N, C-alpha and C. Protein backbone atom coordinates (compact mmCIF):
# COMPACT_ATOMS: atom_id res chain seq x y z
N UNK A 1 86.98 87.88 94.99
CA UNK A 1 86.45 87.44 95.45
C UNK A 1 85.31 89.01 94.84
N UNK A 2 84.59 89.00 93.92
CA UNK A 2 83.36 89.87 93.43
C UNK A 2 82.60 90.57 94.29
N UNK A 3 82.67 92.06 93.29
CA UNK A 3 82.15 93.72 93.78
C UNK A 3 80.92 93.53 94.63
N UNK A 4 79.99 92.22 93.70
CA UNK A 4 78.43 92.76 94.97
C UNK A 4 78.99 91.52 95.87
N UNK A 5 79.64 90.28 96.49
CA UNK A 5 80.02 90.08 98.13
C UNK A 5 80.38 91.78 99.12
N UNK A 6 81.76 91.96 97.65
CA UNK A 6 82.34 92.73 98.60
C UNK A 6 81.30 94.11 99.47
N UNK A 7 80.51 94.00 98.23
CA UNK A 7 78.78 95.41 98.86
C UNK A 7 78.53 94.81 100.23
N UNK A 8 77.86 93.74 99.64
CA UNK A 8 76.70 92.88 100.59
C UNK A 8 77.81 93.18 101.71
N UNK A 9 79.08 92.50 101.91
CA UNK A 9 79.50 92.25 103.34
C UNK A 9 80.07 94.14 104.26
N UNK A 10 80.36 94.65 103.56
CA UNK A 10 79.70 96.48 104.05
C UNK A 10 78.29 96.67 104.35
N UNK A 11 77.74 96.31 104.42
CA UNK A 11 76.10 96.94 103.86
C UNK A 11 75.50 96.18 106.15
N UNK A 12 75.66 96.85 106.25
CA UNK A 12 74.97 96.66 107.85
C UNK A 12 73.43 95.65 107.84
N UNK A 13 72.67 96.54 106.24
CA UNK A 13 71.29 95.82 106.21
C UNK A 13 71.68 94.38 106.21
N UNK A 14 73.34 93.43 105.69
CA UNK A 14 73.49 92.09 105.82
C UNK A 14 73.24 91.53 107.00
N UNK A 15 74.06 92.52 107.85
CA UNK A 15 74.16 91.80 109.66
C UNK A 15 72.98 91.10 109.74
N UNK A 16 73.42 90.75 111.01
CA UNK A 16 72.55 89.83 111.52
C UNK A 16 71.97 91.01 113.12
N UNK A 17 70.93 90.98 113.88
CA UNK A 17 70.39 92.16 114.38
C UNK A 17 71.79 91.86 115.45
N UNK A 18 72.30 90.91 115.89
CA UNK A 18 73.19 90.99 117.06
C UNK A 18 74.45 92.01 116.33
N UNK A 19 75.27 91.36 115.37
CA UNK A 19 76.28 92.70 114.23
C UNK A 19 75.92 93.56 114.77
N UNK A 20 74.49 93.37 114.24
CA UNK A 20 74.41 95.46 114.06
C UNK A 20 74.14 96.34 115.43
N UNK A 21 74.21 95.91 116.99
CA UNK A 21 73.89 96.58 117.54
C UNK A 21 75.09 96.79 118.44
N UNK A 22 76.42 95.68 117.74
CA UNK A 22 77.76 96.11 118.18
C UNK A 22 78.29 96.62 117.05
N UNK A 23 78.33 97.39 116.19
CA UNK A 23 78.46 98.15 114.66
C UNK A 23 79.45 99.74 115.51
N UNK A 24 78.78 99.75 116.59
CA UNK A 24 79.56 101.54 117.26
C UNK A 24 80.87 100.93 117.36
N UNK A 25 81.36 100.02 118.02
CA UNK A 25 82.62 99.54 118.69
C UNK A 25 84.26 99.62 117.28
N UNK A 26 82.62 99.39 116.28
CA UNK A 26 83.80 99.73 114.54
C UNK A 26 84.46 100.89 114.72
N UNK A 27 83.49 102.41 114.74
CA UNK A 27 84.88 103.26 115.25
C UNK A 27 85.52 103.84 116.73
N UNK A 28 86.63 104.40 116.20
CA UNK A 28 88.11 103.46 117.20
C UNK A 28 87.42 105.06 117.52
N UNK A 29 86.90 106.36 118.04
CA UNK A 29 86.27 106.87 118.64
C UNK A 29 85.10 106.42 120.30
N UNK A 30 85.36 105.62 119.94
CA UNK A 30 84.00 104.64 120.26
C UNK A 30 84.48 104.29 121.07
N UNK A 31 85.86 103.75 121.52
CA UNK A 31 86.33 102.73 121.38
C UNK A 31 87.18 103.23 122.69
N UNK A 32 87.85 104.03 122.50
CA UNK A 32 88.74 105.72 122.77
C UNK A 32 87.81 105.80 124.21
N UNK A 33 86.25 106.50 123.62
CA UNK A 33 85.61 106.60 124.92
C UNK A 33 84.92 105.49 126.10
N UNK A 34 84.75 104.04 125.19
CA UNK A 34 85.05 103.40 125.84
C UNK A 34 85.77 102.94 127.23
N UNK A 35 87.08 102.95 126.66
CA UNK A 35 88.89 102.71 127.20
C UNK A 35 88.67 103.63 129.35
N UNK A 36 88.36 104.90 128.01
CA UNK A 36 88.51 106.52 129.25
C UNK A 36 86.94 105.75 130.79
N UNK A 37 86.34 105.51 129.64
CA UNK A 37 85.29 105.49 130.95
C UNK A 37 85.39 104.62 131.65
N UNK A 38 86.06 103.27 131.55
CA UNK A 38 86.42 101.93 132.22
C UNK A 38 87.63 102.63 132.95
N UNK A 39 88.58 103.29 132.44
CA UNK A 39 89.54 103.68 133.53
C UNK A 39 89.13 105.02 134.12
N UNK A 40 88.35 105.73 134.06
CA UNK A 40 87.77 106.37 135.23
C UNK A 40 86.89 105.74 136.26
N UNK A 41 86.19 104.02 135.95
CA UNK A 41 85.33 103.72 136.71
C UNK A 41 86.59 102.82 137.52
N UNK A 42 87.23 103.11 137.30
CA UNK A 42 88.79 102.15 138.05
C UNK A 42 88.81 102.96 138.83
N UNK A 43 89.18 104.35 138.81
CA UNK A 43 89.47 105.54 139.91
C UNK A 43 88.71 106.08 140.53
N UNK A 44 87.61 106.05 140.44
CA UNK A 44 86.00 106.16 141.10
C UNK A 44 85.87 105.05 142.30
N UNK A 45 85.84 103.82 141.94
CA UNK A 45 85.92 102.74 143.04
C UNK A 45 87.63 102.72 143.51
N UNK A 46 88.46 102.80 142.86
CA UNK A 46 89.29 103.39 143.87
C UNK A 46 89.59 104.24 145.01
N UNK A 47 88.80 104.48 144.83
CA UNK A 47 88.82 106.08 145.94
C UNK A 47 87.57 105.94 146.42
N UNK A 48 86.70 105.03 146.28
CA UNK A 48 85.58 105.27 146.85
C UNK A 48 86.41 103.99 148.33
N UNK A 49 87.17 103.37 148.13
CA UNK A 49 87.74 102.83 148.97
C UNK A 49 87.81 103.63 150.43
N UNK A 50 88.87 104.37 150.19
CA UNK A 50 89.11 105.54 151.56
C UNK A 50 87.74 106.39 152.22
N UNK A 51 86.94 106.28 151.56
CA UNK A 51 85.62 106.56 152.18
C UNK A 51 84.76 105.81 153.81
N UNK A 52 85.29 104.66 153.35
CA UNK A 52 84.31 103.98 154.13
C UNK A 52 85.31 102.74 155.20
N UNK A 53 84.77 102.13 156.19
CA UNK A 53 85.42 101.26 156.66
C UNK A 53 84.97 100.04 156.62
N UNK A 54 85.87 98.84 156.39
CA UNK A 54 86.00 97.75 156.08
C UNK A 54 86.60 96.71 157.30
N UNK A 55 85.45 95.83 157.60
CA UNK A 55 85.70 94.83 158.65
C UNK A 55 86.21 93.61 157.91
N UNK A 56 87.67 93.48 157.96
CA UNK A 56 88.19 92.26 157.81
C UNK A 56 88.56 91.46 158.54
N UNK A 57 89.33 90.03 157.81
CA UNK A 57 89.90 89.94 158.90
C UNK A 57 91.70 89.17 158.54
N UNK A 58 91.70 89.94 158.16
CA UNK A 58 93.61 89.96 157.95
C UNK A 58 93.60 91.42 157.99
N UNK A 59 94.92 91.73 158.47
CA UNK A 59 95.05 93.22 158.34
C UNK A 59 95.61 93.91 157.03
N UNK A 60 95.75 93.06 156.70
CA UNK A 60 96.25 93.33 154.63
C UNK A 60 95.41 94.12 154.06
N UNK A 61 94.38 93.31 154.59
CA UNK A 61 93.29 93.98 154.10
C UNK A 61 92.29 95.53 154.36
N UNK A 62 93.25 95.63 155.17
CA UNK A 62 92.88 96.86 155.20
C UNK A 62 93.53 98.08 154.63
N UNK A 63 94.76 97.69 153.69
CA UNK A 63 94.89 98.58 152.99
C UNK A 63 94.27 99.14 151.60
N UNK A 64 94.49 100.23 151.31
CA UNK A 64 92.89 100.76 150.09
C UNK A 64 93.78 99.86 148.99
N UNK A 65 92.75 100.48 148.15
CA UNK A 65 92.52 99.60 147.56
C UNK A 65 93.37 98.15 146.70
N UNK A 66 93.66 96.97 148.52
CA UNK A 66 93.94 96.42 148.22
C UNK A 66 93.27 94.85 146.91
N UNK A 67 91.81 94.90 147.18
CA UNK A 67 91.28 93.78 146.83
C UNK A 67 92.05 94.38 144.15
N UNK A 68 91.35 95.58 144.69
CA UNK A 68 92.00 95.68 143.04
C UNK A 68 93.07 96.08 142.90
N UNK A 69 94.20 96.01 143.78
CA UNK A 69 95.84 95.75 143.27
C UNK A 69 95.97 94.19 142.85
N UNK A 70 94.99 93.61 144.09
CA UNK A 70 95.97 92.18 143.74
C UNK A 70 95.49 91.00 142.88
N UNK A 71 94.08 92.04 142.75
CA UNK A 71 93.68 91.04 140.98
C UNK A 71 94.53 91.97 140.32
N UNK A 72 95.13 93.03 139.78
CA UNK A 72 95.76 93.46 138.50
C UNK A 72 97.56 92.66 139.16
N UNK A 73 98.45 92.45 139.94
CA UNK A 73 98.73 91.72 139.87
C UNK A 73 98.96 90.50 140.19
N UNK A 74 97.89 89.49 140.35
CA UNK A 74 97.59 88.19 140.18
C UNK A 74 97.63 87.27 138.62
N UNK A 75 97.18 88.84 138.12
CA UNK A 75 96.22 88.86 136.20
C UNK A 75 97.82 88.95 135.72
N UNK A 76 98.33 89.75 136.33
CA UNK A 76 99.74 90.02 135.73
C UNK A 76 100.41 89.09 135.89
N UNK A 77 100.41 88.38 136.60
CA UNK A 77 101.54 86.82 137.14
C UNK A 77 101.43 86.46 136.40
N UNK A 78 99.60 85.78 136.76
CA UNK A 78 99.23 84.52 135.29
C UNK A 78 99.57 84.81 134.08
N UNK A 79 99.85 85.98 133.56
CA UNK A 79 100.62 86.17 131.79
C UNK A 79 101.53 85.97 131.99
N UNK A 80 102.52 86.05 132.78
CA UNK A 80 103.89 86.35 133.00
C UNK A 80 104.60 84.45 133.47
N UNK A 81 103.77 84.03 134.11
CA UNK A 81 103.43 82.36 133.71
C UNK A 81 103.63 81.50 132.59
N UNK A 82 102.10 81.86 132.23
CA UNK A 82 101.50 81.52 131.14
C UNK A 82 102.90 81.22 130.24
N UNK A 83 103.38 82.12 129.78
CA UNK A 83 104.27 82.63 128.95
C UNK A 83 105.57 81.31 129.27
N UNK A 84 105.74 81.89 130.61
CA UNK A 84 107.16 80.58 131.78
C UNK A 84 106.47 79.51 130.66
N UNK A 85 105.59 79.14 131.29
CA UNK A 85 104.96 77.07 131.18
C UNK A 85 105.06 77.40 129.45
N UNK A 86 104.67 78.45 128.56
CA UNK A 86 104.94 77.96 127.05
C UNK A 86 106.50 77.49 126.60
N UNK A 87 107.41 78.82 127.32
CA UNK A 87 108.72 77.76 126.92
C UNK A 87 108.48 76.50 127.47
N UNK A 88 107.63 76.59 127.68
CA UNK A 88 108.82 74.23 128.47
C UNK A 88 107.94 73.45 128.32
N UNK A 89 106.35 74.35 127.72
CA UNK A 89 105.41 73.26 127.35
C UNK A 89 105.87 73.10 125.03
N UNK A 90 106.64 74.48 124.62
CA UNK A 90 105.98 74.47 123.10
C UNK A 90 107.33 73.07 122.65
N UNK A 91 106.15 72.81 121.22
CA UNK A 91 107.22 71.56 120.74
C UNK A 91 107.51 71.73 119.57
N UNK A 92 108.31 71.64 119.19
CA UNK A 92 108.32 71.87 117.35
C UNK A 92 107.21 71.64 116.69
N UNK A 93 107.50 72.49 115.29
CA UNK A 93 106.26 72.24 114.43
C UNK A 93 106.21 70.34 113.96
N UNK A 94 107.68 70.14 113.84
CA UNK A 94 106.96 68.52 113.31
C UNK A 94 106.60 67.46 114.54
N UNK A 95 107.02 67.88 115.56
CA UNK A 95 106.88 67.09 116.84
C UNK A 95 106.20 66.04 116.81
N UNK A 96 105.07 66.17 115.75
CA UNK A 96 103.92 64.80 115.95
C UNK A 96 104.09 64.01 114.51
N UNK A 97 104.70 64.43 113.36
CA UNK A 97 105.34 64.35 112.27
C UNK A 97 105.85 63.22 111.73
N UNK A 98 106.65 62.53 112.49
CA UNK A 98 106.45 60.57 112.75
C UNK A 98 105.65 59.77 112.89
N UNK A 99 104.40 60.68 113.22
CA UNK A 99 103.29 59.52 113.31
C UNK A 99 101.99 59.92 113.39
N UNK A 100 102.22 61.18 112.21
CA UNK A 100 101.11 61.68 111.74
C UNK A 100 100.37 61.33 110.30
N UNK A 101 99.60 61.20 110.68
CA UNK A 101 98.70 60.94 108.43
C UNK A 101 99.27 61.61 108.08
N UNK A 102 100.10 63.31 107.96
CA UNK A 102 100.85 63.58 107.14
C UNK A 102 102.00 62.95 106.15
N UNK A 103 102.61 62.25 107.98
CA UNK A 103 103.33 62.06 107.24
C UNK A 103 103.51 60.22 106.70
N UNK A 104 102.59 59.70 106.55
CA UNK A 104 102.42 58.54 105.89
C UNK A 104 102.87 58.24 104.39
N UNK A 105 102.58 57.75 103.85
CA UNK A 105 103.05 57.32 102.21
C UNK A 105 101.66 57.10 101.55
N UNK A 106 101.38 58.23 100.56
CA UNK A 106 100.05 57.59 99.87
C UNK A 106 100.78 57.15 97.79
N UNK A 107 100.01 56.04 98.01
CA UNK A 107 99.77 55.50 96.59
C UNK A 107 99.63 55.94 95.89
N UNK A 108 100.65 55.98 94.54
CA UNK A 108 100.95 57.19 93.44
C UNK A 108 99.40 57.14 93.05
N UNK A 109 98.34 56.28 92.43
CA UNK A 109 97.17 56.89 92.27
C UNK A 109 96.51 57.53 93.23
N UNK A 110 96.60 57.76 94.49
CA UNK A 110 95.60 58.56 94.99
C UNK A 110 95.85 59.81 95.79
N UNK A 111 97.06 60.52 94.35
CA UNK A 111 98.00 62.28 94.92
C UNK A 111 96.82 62.88 94.00
N UNK A 112 96.39 61.99 92.90
CA UNK A 112 95.58 62.78 91.83
C UNK A 112 96.87 63.96 90.41
N UNK A 113 98.25 62.95 90.50
CA UNK A 113 98.64 63.81 89.80
C UNK A 113 98.52 62.85 87.87
N UNK A 114 98.79 64.70 87.33
CA UNK A 114 98.16 64.64 86.12
C UNK A 114 99.55 64.57 85.41
N UNK A 115 100.27 63.67 84.56
CA UNK A 115 100.90 64.12 83.85
C UNK A 115 101.02 65.32 82.22
N UNK A 116 101.60 66.20 82.74
CA UNK A 116 101.05 67.18 81.53
C UNK A 116 101.93 67.32 79.76
N UNK A 117 102.92 66.13 80.33
CA UNK A 117 103.68 65.94 79.12
C UNK A 117 103.62 65.03 78.02
N UNK A 118 102.23 64.56 78.74
CA UNK A 118 102.62 63.61 77.47
C UNK A 118 101.45 64.22 76.26
């Protein structure tokens, strides 16, 4: 990669308008601020769950922060289930090799080999 191309890649003026809008995410301090804002929002919403009376269908829904905890544990359960499913469904790297195009024998003239010894 030449230096001109490298400099152009780092120049914000070369980016699209949408890409320039998200350049603030490149700074790790801004990412940390965003994470802490989300954590604060979750805590505030969890505490607000104690502040009102719920009209529920099932008694378990009366538990404070039930929906937040339910969502968290179901998401974590999906990740664990996906990892387990991966172990069941994962195949060897050459699983399709006997029937793949790469496994076919090519004619010698089609391989593009050159004889440099001659």
